[in-house]
Each structure stands twice: as C-alpha cells, then as structure tokens.
Amino acid sequence: MSTVQEENPTSSFDAMKWILCFIALAGAVYANHALVDGSVLIRAGVILVLVAIGSGIGFSTSKGKNSLVFAKEAKIEARKVVWPSRPETVQTTLIIIVSVTLVSLLLWGIDAILVKLISFLTVPGVV
C-alpha cells in the first residue's frame, strides 16, 4: 500500500494573487485616509471598488474557491437545522435565568463568608 498523500493542487500564481489582494485592500484603507476631505460618495465608491477587486482576486485563488464551497455547504446545512418553537425557547430562557440567578447568589454567599473569614484571621478585632 502506498502512503503517499495527495496534495491539493494550487496555482503557481496564488502567492502573487494574494499579494495583489492585500495591495488592493491596503489601497482601500489608504483611500479611506487620503480622501477624507473629498466627497463621501467618491470616497465610498473608491473603497468599494478596491474591496471588490481585492475580494475577486482573493476568491480566484484555491483557498478562496475552497472558502466559497465551504460557505455554500454551510448554507445548505443551516437549512437543515430544526429550530425550537417559541414555548421551548421561552422555557429554556427562563430556566437559564433562574439557574444563573441561583448560582450568582450562591457565589455571592460564599464570597461573603470567605471575606469575613479572611478578615477575622488577618485583622485583629474586626468581626
């Protein structure tokens, strides 16, 4: 049996694409700073165009394509989720509120006892 693992084939231009992607996104950040005195519409347009270019370049890489496939599969899986009904949600929320309240009161009580104990042991005359 062969133990050779198949590697995911990547384009030799992926590194260059990622560099161009980051340059486009850095250009959007710079444009946001440089065009602060200009029209908001022009500034927003330039930023949107640069982000779209960077995103397009990023999604054209093998990792970008894999992330798109993952997002599509996640959307399909999200449709399969069975959401609880309103009464189930309300009941669960009330149980959580009561539980958190009880635990917080318990911890408050333990803290108060420990503070009294420590002050009794460390500070003479204070009870």
C-alpha atoms as a PDB file:
ATOM      1  CA  MET A   1       0.000   0.000   0.000  1.00  0.00           C
ATOM      2  CA  SER A   2       1.213   3.426  -0.810  1.00  0.00           C
ATOM      3  CA  THR A   3       1.179   6.065   1.916  1.00  0.00           C
ATOM      4  CA  VAL A   4       1.652   8.958  -0.441  1.00  0.00           C
ATOM      5  CA  GLN A   5      -0.782  11.720   0.393  1.00  0.00           C
ATOM      6  CA  GLU A   6      -2.374  13.713  -2.348  1.00  0.00           C
ATOM      7  CA  GLU A   7      -1.710  17.411  -2.025  1.00  0.00           C
ATOM      8  CA  ASN A   8      -4.252  19.968  -3.043  1.00  0.00           C
ATOM      9  CA  PRO A   9      -3.032  21.345  -6.357  1.00  0.00           C
ATOM     10  CA  THR A  10      -2.529  25.084  -6.153  1.00  0.00           C
ATOM     11  CA  SER A  11      -1.862  27.556  -8.875  1.00  0.00           C
ATOM     12  CA  SER A  12       1.667  28.894  -9.051  1.00  0.00           C
ATOM     13  CA  PHE A  13       0.160  32.350  -9.204  1.00  0.00           C
ATOM     14  CA  ASP A  14      -1.686  32.028  -5.877  1.00  0.00           C
ATOM     15  CA  ALA A  15       1.049  33.832  -3.954  1.00  0.00           C
ATOM     16  CA  MET A  16       1.011  36.666  -6.466  1.00  0.00           C
ATOM     17  CA  LYS A  17      -2.790  36.815  -6.316  1.00  0.00           C
ATOM     18  CA  TRP A  18      -2.703  37.083  -2.512  1.00  0.00           C
ATOM     19  CA  ILE A  19      -0.150  39.886  -2.722  1.00  0.00           C
ATOM     20  CA  LEU A  20      -2.367  41.744  -5.203  1.00  0.00           C
ATOM     21  CA  CYS A  21      -5.380  41.112  -2.982  1.00  0.00           C
ATOM     22  CA  PHE A  22      -3.650  42.615   0.054  1.00  0.00           C
ATOM     23  CA  ILE A  23      -2.376  45.539  -2.038  1.00  0.00           C
ATOM     24  CA  ALA A  24      -5.945  46.283  -3.174  1.00  0.00           C
ATOM     25  CA  LEU A  25      -7.251  46.077   0.406  1.00  0.00           C
ATOM     26  CA  ALA A  26      -4.388  48.230   1.677  1.00  0.00           C
ATOM     27  CA  GLY A  27      -5.250  50.682  -1.099  1.00  0.00           C
ATOM     28  CA  ALA A  28      -8.812  50.808   0.216  1.00  0.00           C
ATOM     29  CA  VAL A  29      -7.530  51.620   3.697  1.00  0.00           C
ATOM     30  CA  TYR A  30      -5.217  54.286   2.286  1.00  0.00           C
ATOM     31  CA  ALA A  31      -8.022  55.733   0.131  1.00  0.00           C
ATOM     32  CA  ASN A  32     -10.208  55.999   3.213  1.00  0.00           C
ATOM     33  CA  HIS A  33      -7.482  58.073   4.865  1.00  0.00           C
ATOM     34  CA  ALA A  34      -6.366  60.075   1.837  1.00  0.00           C
ATOM     35  CA  LEU A  35      -9.819  61.032   0.570  1.00  0.00           C
ATOM     36  CA  VAL A  36     -11.146  62.197   3.936  1.00  0.00           C
ATOM     37  CA  ASP A  37     -11.508  65.802   2.728  1.00  0.00           C
ATOM     38  CA  GLY A  38     -13.177  64.878  -0.559  1.00  0.00           C
ATOM     39  CA  SER A  39     -16.698  63.820  -1.411  1.00  0.00           C
ATOM     40  CA  VAL A  40     -18.076  60.976   0.676  1.00  0.00           C
ATOM     41  CA  LEU A  41     -19.643  59.456  -2.432  1.00  0.00           C
ATOM     42  CA  ILE A  42     -16.314  59.333  -4.283  1.00  0.00           C
ATOM     43  CA  ARG A  43     -14.531  58.020  -1.205  1.00  0.00           C
ATOM     44  CA  ALA A  44     -17.107  55.252  -0.703  1.00  0.00           C
ATOM     45  CA  GLY A  45     -17.024  54.382  -4.400  1.00  0.00           C
ATOM     46  CA  VAL A  46     -13.233  54.079  -4.487  1.00  0.00           C
ATOM     47  CA  ILE A  47     -13.239  51.959  -1.337  1.00  0.00           C
ATOM     48  CA  LEU A  48     -15.987  49.671  -2.646  1.00  0.00           C
ATOM     49  CA  VAL A  49     -14.212  49.208  -5.974  1.00  0.00           C
ATOM     50  CA  LEU A  50     -10.889  48.382  -4.289  1.00  0.00           C
ATOM     51  CA  VAL A  51     -12.539  45.956  -1.848  1.00  0.00           C
ATOM     52  CA  ALA A  52     -14.404  44.290  -4.733  1.00  0.00           C
ATOM     53  CA  ILE A  53     -11.162  43.943  -6.696  1.00  0.00           C
ATOM     54  CA  GLY A  54      -9.336  42.533  -3.675  1.00  0.00           C
ATOM     55  CA  SER A  55     -12.171  40.131  -2.912  1.00  0.00           C
ATOM     56  CA  GLY A  56     -12.379  38.994  -6.517  1.00  0.00           C
ATOM     57  CA  ILE A  57      -8.667  38.315  -6.644  1.00  0.00           C
ATOM     58  CA  GLY A  58      -8.769  36.547  -3.271  1.00  0.00           C
ATOM     59  CA  PHE A  59     -11.688  34.328  -4.289  1.00  0.00           C
ATOM     60  CA  SER A  60      -9.898  33.352  -7.503  1.00  0.00           C
ATOM     61  CA  THR A  61      -7.196  31.535  -5.504  1.00  0.00           C
ATOM     62  CA  SER A  62      -7.545  27.899  -4.498  1.00  0.00           C
ATOM     63  CA  LYS A  63      -8.124  28.800  -0.838  1.00  0.00           C
ATOM     64  CA  GLY A  64     -10.680  31.407  -1.886  1.00  0.00           C
ATOM     65  CA  LYS A  65     -12.539  28.855  -4.004  1.00  0.00           C
ATOM     66  CA  ASN A  66     -12.463  26.390  -1.108  1.00  0.00           C
ATOM     67  CA  SER A  67     -13.915  29.029   1.209  1.00  0.00           C
ATOM     68  CA  LEU A  68     -16.756  29.688  -1.242  1.00  0.00           C
ATOM     69  CA  VAL A  69     -17.520  25.966  -1.414  1.00  0.00           C
ATOM     70  CA  PHE A  70     -17.458  25.821   2.397  1.00  0.00           C
ATOM     71  CA  ALA A  71     -19.839  28.791   2.637  1.00  0.00           C
ATOM     72  CA  LYS A  72     -22.276  27.164   0.208  1.00  0.00           C
ATOM     73  CA  GLU A  73     -22.184  23.886   2.148  1.00  0.00           C
ATOM     74  CA  ALA A  74     -22.684  25.748   5.434  1.00  0.00           C
ATOM     75  CA  LYS A  75     -25.736  27.479   3.978  1.00  0.00           C
ATOM     76  CA  ILE A  76     -27.174  24.110   2.954  1.00  0.00           C
ATOM     77  CA  GLU A  77     -26.530  22.694   6.432  1.00  0.00           C
ATOM     78  CA  ALA A  78     -28.120  25.742   8.080  1.00  0.00           C
ATOM     79  CA  ARG A  79     -31.336  24.994   6.200  1.00  0.00           C
ATOM     80  CA  LYS A  80     -31.419  21.543   7.828  1.00  0.00           C
ATOM     81  CA  VAL A  81     -31.439  22.955  11.364  1.00  0.00           C
ATOM     82  CA  VAL A  82     -34.639  22.338  13.314  1.00  0.00           C
ATOM     83  CA  TRP A  83     -35.293  25.492  15.310  1.00  0.00           C
ATOM     84  CA  PRO A  84     -37.114  25.304  18.640  1.00  0.00           C
ATOM     85  CA  SER A  85     -40.648  26.586  18.957  1.00  0.00           C
ATOM     86  CA  ARG A  86     -41.450  29.778  20.837  1.00  0.00           C
ATOM     87  CA  PRO A  87     -42.650  28.000  24.010  1.00  0.00           C
ATOM     88  CA  GLU A  88     -39.478  25.870  24.077  1.00  0.00           C
ATOM     89  CA  THR A  89     -37.348  28.977  23.680  1.00  0.00           C
ATOM     90  CA  VAL A  90     -39.166  30.853  26.451  1.00  0.00           C
ATOM     91  CA  GLN A  91     -38.980  27.856  28.812  1.00  0.00           C
ATOM     92  CA  THR A  92     -35.263  27.354  28.174  1.00  0.00           C
ATOM     93  CA  THR A  93     -34.577  31.068  28.658  1.00  0.00           C
ATOM     94  CA  LEU A  94     -36.422  31.089  31.986  1.00  0.00           C
ATOM     95  CA  ILE A  95     -34.507  28.008  33.163  1.00  0.00           C
ATOM     96  CA  ILE A  96     -31.223  29.732  32.300  1.00  0.00           C
ATOM     97  CA  ILE A  97     -32.235  32.961  34.077  1.00  0.00           C
ATOM     98  CA  VAL A  98     -33.209  31.055  37.239  1.00  0.00           C
ATOM     99  CA  SER A  99     -30.035  28.941  37.136  1.00  0.00           C
ATOM    100  CA  VAL A 100     -27.760  31.952  36.672  1.00  0.00           C
ATOM    101  CA  THR A 101     -29.532  33.794  39.487  1.00  0.00           C
ATOM    102  CA  LEU A 102     -29.181  30.857  41.889  1.00  0.00           C
ATOM    103  CA  VAL A 103     -25.508  30.308  41.075  1.00  0.00           C
ATOM    104  CA  SER A 104     -24.743  34.021  41.411  1.00  0.00           C
ATOM    105  CA  LEU A 105     -26.443  34.126  44.827  1.00  0.00           C
ATOM    106  CA  LEU A 106     -24.514  31.031  45.898  1.00  0.00           C
ATOM    107  CA  LEU A 107     -21.207  32.539  44.791  1.00  0.00           C
ATOM    108  CA  TRP A 108     -22.072  35.837  46.479  1.00  0.00           C
ATOM    109  CA  GLY A 109     -22.763  33.999  49.715  1.00  0.00           C
ATOM    110  CA  ILE A 110     -19.537  32.012  49.535  1.00  0.00           C
ATOM    111  CA  ASP A 111     -17.607  35.205  48.802  1.00  0.00           C
ATOM    112  CA  ALA A 112     -19.167  36.994  51.776  1.00  0.00           C
ATOM    113  CA  ILE A 113     -18.303  34.086  54.080  1.00  0.00           C
ATOM    114  CA  LEU A 114     -14.720  33.967  52.805  1.00  0.00           C
ATOM    115  CA  VAL A 115     -14.290  37.739  53.234  1.00  0.00           C
ATOM    116  CA  LYS A 116     -15.493  37.522  56.845  1.00  0.00           C
ATOM    117  CA  LEU A 117     -13.225  34.528  57.494  1.00  0.00           C
ATOM    118  CA  ILE A 118     -10.155  36.190  55.982  1.00  0.00           C
ATOM    119  CA  SER A 119     -10.785  39.468  57.809  1.00  0.00           C
ATOM    120  CA  PHE A 120     -11.249  37.520  61.069  1.00  0.00           C
ATOM    121  CA  LEU A 121      -7.939  35.726  60.551  1.00  0.00           C
ATOM    122  CA  THR A 122      -5.874  38.702  59.340  1.00  0.00           C
ATOM    123  CA  VAL A 123      -7.248  41.793  61.094  1.00  0.00           C
ATOM    124  CA  PRO A 124      -7.420  41.548  64.878  1.00  0.00           C
ATOM    125  CA  GLY A 125     -10.528  42.960  66.494  1.00  0.00           C
ATOM    126  CA  VAL A 126     -12.660  43.071  63.306  1.00  0.00           C
ATOM    127  CA  VAL A 127     -15.590  40.681  63.133  1.00  0.00           C
END
